[in-house]
């Protein structure tokens, strides 16, 4: 790991920042004593968008689910009733048939 004095760092900051950007770690010294380290940032973590449930849990108004499974994994992709049945029920409820 390279070391650099504060004055040299100040006078050549962009040079040292480029070195750190390439992955190098640099110790910053003051009067021969290490006072800081310049290190490349960690890879950013992708944060998922906070859901309404997450907000309610944070406020103490809801509890997290006991199981981490998908609640819709057993729901079929096709409708549970034959085509046209729901429309017929709605129409008959409205006395339109």
N, C-alpha and C. Protein backbone atom coordinates (compact mmCIF):
# COMPACT_ATOMS: atom_id res chain seq x y z
N UNK A 1 0.85 -1.17 0.00
CA UNK A 1 0.00 0.00 0.00
C UNK A 1 0.90 1.24 0.00
N UNK A 2 0.58 2.17 -0.88
CA UNK A 2 1.37 3.39 -1.00
C UNK A 2 1.02 4.35 0.14
N UNK A 3 1.96 5.22 0.47
CA UNK A 3 1.73 6.25 1.48
C UNK A 3 2.00 7.61 0.85
N UNK A 4 1.26 8.61 1.32
CA UNK A 4 1.44 9.96 0.80
C UNK A 4 1.21 10.94 1.95
N UNK A 5 2.02 11.98 1.98
CA UNK A 5 1.84 13.03 2.98
C UNK A 5 0.66 13.92 2.61
N UNK A 6 0.12 14.59 3.61
CA UNK A 6 -1.06 15.45 3.39
C UNK A 6 -0.77 16.53 2.36
N UNK A 7 0.39 17.17 2.44
CA UNK A 7 0.71 18.26 1.49
C UNK A 7 0.75 17.73 0.07
N UNK A 8 1.42 16.59 -0.13
CA UNK A 8 1.51 16.01 -1.47
C UNK A 8 0.12 15.59 -1.96
N UNK A 9 -0.68 15.04 -1.06
CA UNK A 9 -2.04 14.66 -1.43
C UNK A 9 -2.83 15.88 -1.89
N UNK A 10 -2.72 16.96 -1.11
CA UNK A 10 -3.45 18.19 -1.45
C UNK A 10 -3.02 18.73 -2.81
N UNK A 11 -1.70 18.72 -3.08
CA UNK A 11 -1.18 19.27 -4.32
C UNK A 11 -1.44 18.38 -5.54
N UNK A 12 -1.68 17.09 -5.32
CA UNK A 12 -1.86 16.14 -6.43
C UNK A 12 -3.10 15.28 -6.23
N UNK A 13 -4.13 15.88 -5.69
CA UNK A 13 -5.32 15.10 -5.31
C UNK A 13 -5.90 14.30 -6.47
N UNK A 14 -6.07 14.90 -7.63
CA UNK A 14 -6.69 14.18 -8.75
C UNK A 14 -5.86 12.96 -9.16
N UNK A 15 -4.53 13.07 -9.07
CA UNK A 15 -3.66 11.94 -9.39
C UNK A 15 -3.92 10.78 -8.43
N UNK A 16 -4.01 11.07 -7.15
CA UNK A 16 -4.24 10.01 -6.15
C UNK A 16 -5.65 9.44 -6.25
N UNK A 17 -6.60 10.29 -6.55
CA UNK A 17 -7.98 9.81 -6.70
C UNK A 17 -8.05 8.84 -7.89
N UNK A 18 -7.35 9.14 -8.98
CA UNK A 18 -7.34 8.21 -10.12
C UNK A 18 -6.72 6.87 -9.73
N UNK A 19 -5.66 6.91 -8.92
CA UNK A 19 -5.03 5.65 -8.48
C UNK A 19 -6.00 4.84 -7.62
N UNK A 20 -6.71 5.51 -6.74
CA UNK A 20 -7.69 4.82 -5.90
C UNK A 20 -8.83 4.28 -6.77
N UNK A 21 -9.21 5.05 -7.76
CA UNK A 21 -10.27 4.62 -8.69
C UNK A 21 -9.89 3.33 -9.40
N UNK A 22 -8.61 3.14 -9.66
CA UNK A 22 -8.12 1.92 -10.31
C UNK A 22 -7.99 0.76 -9.32
N UNK A 23 -8.31 0.99 -8.05
CA UNK A 23 -8.31 -0.10 -7.07
C UNK A 23 -7.20 -0.05 -6.04
N UNK A 24 -6.32 0.95 -6.12
CA UNK A 24 -5.20 1.04 -5.19
C UNK A 24 -5.66 1.65 -3.86
N UNK A 25 -5.06 1.20 -2.77
CA UNK A 25 -5.32 1.78 -1.44
C UNK A 25 -4.13 2.68 -1.10
N UNK A 26 -4.40 3.84 -0.56
CA UNK A 26 -3.32 4.78 -0.25
C UNK A 26 -3.46 5.26 1.19
N UNK A 27 -2.34 5.18 1.93
CA UNK A 27 -2.30 5.70 3.31
C UNK A 27 -1.95 7.18 3.26
N UNK A 28 -2.64 7.96 4.07
CA UNK A 28 -2.35 9.39 4.18
C UNK A 28 -1.62 9.59 5.51
N UNK A 29 -0.48 10.26 5.45
CA UNK A 29 0.32 10.45 6.66
C UNK A 29 0.45 11.93 7.01
N UNK A 30 0.60 12.16 8.31
CA UNK A 30 0.88 13.51 8.82
C UNK A 30 2.05 13.36 9.79
N UNK A 31 3.17 13.96 9.47
CA UNK A 31 4.38 13.88 10.30
C UNK A 31 4.79 12.43 10.53
N UNK A 32 4.67 11.61 9.44
CA UNK A 32 5.11 10.23 9.51
C UNK A 32 4.12 9.26 10.16
N UNK A 33 2.98 9.76 10.57
CA UNK A 33 1.98 8.93 11.24
C UNK A 33 0.77 8.78 10.33
N UNK A 34 0.27 7.56 10.16
CA UNK A 34 -0.89 7.32 9.30
C UNK A 34 -2.13 7.90 9.97
N UNK A 35 -2.83 8.78 9.24
CA UNK A 35 -4.03 9.43 9.79
C UNK A 35 -5.29 9.07 9.01
N UNK A 36 -5.13 8.50 7.83
CA UNK A 36 -6.29 8.13 7.02
C UNK A 36 -5.87 7.16 5.94
N UNK A 37 -6.87 6.54 5.33
CA UNK A 37 -6.63 5.68 4.18
C UNK A 37 -7.63 6.03 3.10
N UNK A 38 -7.15 6.12 1.88
CA UNK A 38 -8.03 6.29 0.72
C UNK A 38 -8.22 4.90 0.12
N UNK A 39 -9.47 4.47 0.04
CA UNK A 39 -9.77 3.14 -0.49
C UNK A 39 -10.87 3.25 -1.53
N UNK A 40 -10.89 2.34 -2.50
CA UNK A 40 -11.97 2.37 -3.48
C UNK A 40 -13.30 2.05 -2.80
N UNK A 41 -14.38 2.61 -3.28
CA UNK A 41 -15.68 2.32 -2.67
C UNK A 41 -16.08 0.87 -2.94
N UNK A 42 -16.89 0.34 -2.06
CA UNK A 42 -17.43 -1.00 -2.28
C UNK A 42 -18.43 -0.91 -3.42
N UNK A 43 -18.65 -2.05 -4.07
CA UNK A 43 -19.64 -2.08 -5.15
C UNK A 43 -20.99 -1.72 -4.57
N UNK A 44 -21.72 -0.83 -5.22
CA UNK A 44 -23.02 -0.43 -4.67
C UNK A 44 -23.99 -1.60 -4.68
N UNK A 45 -24.73 -1.71 -3.60
CA UNK A 45 -25.77 -2.73 -3.52
C UNK A 45 -27.05 -2.18 -4.11
N UNK A 46 -27.72 -3.02 -4.84
CA UNK A 46 -29.01 -2.59 -5.39
C UNK A 46 -30.04 -2.72 -4.29
N UNK A 47 -30.66 -1.63 -3.99
CA UNK A 47 -31.70 -1.66 -2.98
C UNK A 47 -33.04 -1.81 -3.68
N UNK A 48 -33.80 -2.73 -3.18
CA UNK A 48 -35.13 -2.88 -3.77
C UNK A 48 -36.01 -1.76 -3.24
N UNK A 49 -36.98 -1.42 -4.03
CA UNK A 49 -37.90 -0.36 -3.62
C UNK A 49 -38.63 -0.80 -2.37
N UNK A 50 -38.81 0.12 -1.46
CA UNK A 50 -39.48 -0.18 -0.21
C UNK A 50 -40.98 -0.28 -0.47
N UNK A 51 -41.54 -1.41 -0.12
CA UNK A 51 -42.97 -1.63 -0.36
C UNK A 51 -43.79 -1.01 0.76
N UNK A 52 -45.08 -0.94 0.52
CA UNK A 52 -46.00 -0.43 1.54
C UNK A 52 -45.93 -1.31 2.79
N UNK A 53 -45.81 -2.64 2.59
CA UNK A 53 -45.70 -3.55 3.73
C UNK A 53 -44.44 -3.25 4.52
N UNK A 54 -43.32 -2.99 3.84
CA UNK A 54 -42.07 -2.65 4.54
C UNK A 54 -42.26 -1.40 5.39
N UNK A 55 -42.98 -0.42 4.87
CA UNK A 55 -43.23 0.82 5.62
C UNK A 55 -44.07 0.55 6.86
N UNK A 56 -45.11 -0.28 6.70
CA UNK A 56 -45.97 -0.60 7.85
C UNK A 56 -45.21 -1.38 8.91
N UNK A 57 -44.34 -2.28 8.49
CA UNK A 57 -43.52 -3.05 9.43
C UNK A 57 -42.59 -2.11 10.19
N UNK A 58 -41.96 -1.17 9.47
CA UNK A 58 -41.04 -0.23 10.10
C UNK A 58 -41.75 0.64 11.12
N UNK A 59 -43.01 0.97 10.88
CA UNK A 59 -43.79 1.80 11.80
C UNK A 59 -44.42 0.99 12.92
N UNK A 60 -44.25 -0.34 12.87
CA UNK A 60 -44.80 -1.19 13.92
C UNK A 60 -46.28 -1.48 13.75
N UNK A 61 -46.83 -1.21 12.58
CA UNK A 61 -48.25 -1.42 12.33
C UNK A 61 -48.55 -2.77 11.69
N UNK A 62 -47.51 -3.49 11.31
CA UNK A 62 -47.67 -4.81 10.71
C UNK A 62 -46.47 -5.66 11.11
N UNK A 63 -46.64 -6.96 10.99
CA UNK A 63 -45.53 -7.88 11.27
C UNK A 63 -45.09 -8.51 9.97
N UNK A 64 -43.80 -8.85 9.88
CA UNK A 64 -43.34 -9.51 8.65
C UNK A 64 -43.94 -10.90 8.55
N UNK A 65 -44.06 -11.44 7.34
CA UNK A 65 -44.63 -12.77 7.17
C UNK A 65 -43.77 -13.82 7.86
N UNK A 66 -44.42 -14.88 8.33
CA UNK A 66 -43.69 -15.96 9.00
C UNK A 66 -42.93 -16.81 8.01
N UNK A 67 -43.45 -16.92 6.78
CA UNK A 67 -42.80 -17.71 5.75
C UNK A 67 -42.35 -16.80 4.62
N UNK A 68 -41.26 -17.13 4.00
CA UNK A 68 -40.72 -16.30 2.93
C UNK A 68 -41.16 -16.77 1.54
N UNK A 69 -42.10 -17.70 1.47
CA UNK A 69 -42.52 -18.22 0.17
C UNK A 69 -43.44 -17.24 -0.55
N UNK A 70 -43.64 -17.49 -1.82
CA UNK A 70 -44.52 -16.67 -2.66
C UNK A 70 -45.96 -17.10 -2.40
N UNK A 71 -46.81 -16.20 -1.93
CA UNK A 71 -48.19 -16.59 -1.63
C UNK A 71 -49.00 -16.96 -2.87
N UNK A 72 -48.52 -16.61 -4.05
CA UNK A 72 -49.26 -16.89 -5.27
C UNK A 72 -48.68 -18.06 -6.07
N UNK A 73 -47.74 -18.80 -5.48
CA UNK A 73 -47.09 -19.86 -6.25
C UNK A 73 -48.05 -20.99 -6.63
N UNK A 74 -49.13 -21.20 -5.89
CA UNK A 74 -50.05 -22.30 -6.21
C UNK A 74 -51.29 -21.82 -6.97
N UNK A 75 -51.36 -20.53 -7.27
CA UNK A 75 -52.50 -20.00 -8.01
C UNK A 75 -52.28 -20.32 -9.49
N UNK A 76 -53.25 -20.96 -10.13
CA UNK A 76 -53.08 -21.30 -11.55
C UNK A 76 -53.07 -20.05 -12.42
N UNK A 77 -52.44 -20.17 -13.58
CA UNK A 77 -52.38 -19.05 -14.51
C UNK A 77 -53.71 -18.85 -15.24
N UNK A 78 -54.52 -19.87 -15.30
CA UNK A 78 -55.80 -19.76 -16.02
C UNK A 78 -56.91 -19.46 -15.03
N UNK A 79 -57.99 -18.86 -15.49
CA UNK A 79 -59.10 -18.53 -14.59
C UNK A 79 -59.70 -19.80 -13.98
N UNK A 80 -60.30 -19.65 -12.81
CA UNK A 80 -60.89 -20.78 -12.11
C UNK A 80 -62.29 -21.10 -12.61
N UNK A 81 -62.88 -20.19 -13.37
CA UNK A 81 -64.22 -20.42 -13.91
C UNK A 81 -64.15 -20.40 -15.43
N UNK A 82 -65.08 -21.08 -16.09
CA UNK A 82 -65.07 -21.07 -17.56
C UNK A 82 -65.26 -19.66 -18.11
N UNK A 83 -64.74 -19.43 -19.30
CA UNK A 83 -64.84 -18.12 -19.95
C UNK A 83 -66.30 -17.71 -20.08
N UNK A 84 -66.57 -16.44 -19.82
CA UNK A 84 -67.92 -15.91 -19.95
C UNK A 84 -68.77 -16.04 -18.70
N UNK A 85 -68.38 -16.89 -17.76
CA UNK A 85 -69.20 -17.11 -16.57
C UNK A 85 -69.29 -15.87 -15.71
N UNK A 86 -68.17 -15.22 -15.48
CA UNK A 86 -68.17 -14.04 -14.62
C UNK A 86 -69.00 -12.92 -15.24
N UNK A 87 -68.83 -12.70 -16.52
CA UNK A 87 -69.61 -11.67 -17.20
C UNK A 87 -71.10 -11.98 -17.09
N UNK A 88 -71.47 -13.25 -17.26
CA UNK A 88 -72.87 -13.63 -17.15
C UNK A 88 -73.40 -13.37 -15.75
N UNK A 89 -72.61 -13.68 -14.71
CA UNK A 89 -73.04 -13.44 -13.33
C UNK A 89 -73.22 -11.94 -13.06
N UNK A 90 -72.30 -11.13 -13.56
CA UNK A 90 -72.43 -9.69 -13.36
C UNK A 90 -73.67 -9.16 -14.05
N UNK A 91 -73.86 -9.58 -15.31
CA UNK A 91 -75.04 -9.13 -16.05
C UNK A 91 -76.33 -9.56 -15.37
N UNK A 92 -76.37 -10.79 -14.86
CA UNK A 92 -77.61 -11.26 -14.22
C UNK A 92 -77.82 -10.53 -12.90
N UNK A 93 -76.76 -10.17 -12.22
CA UNK A 93 -76.90 -9.42 -10.97
C UNK A 93 -77.45 -8.02 -11.24
N UNK A 94 -77.14 -7.49 -12.40
CA UNK A 94 -77.61 -6.14 -12.77
C UNK A 94 -78.97 -6.22 -13.49
N UNK A 95 -79.50 -7.41 -13.59
CA UNK A 95 -80.77 -7.63 -14.29
C UNK A 95 -80.68 -7.20 -15.74
N UNK A 96 -79.53 -7.44 -16.38
CA UNK A 96 -79.34 -7.07 -17.77
C UNK A 96 -79.53 -8.27 -18.69
N UNK A 97 -79.85 -9.42 -18.17
CA UNK A 97 -80.07 -10.61 -19.00
C UNK A 97 -81.49 -11.01 -18.93
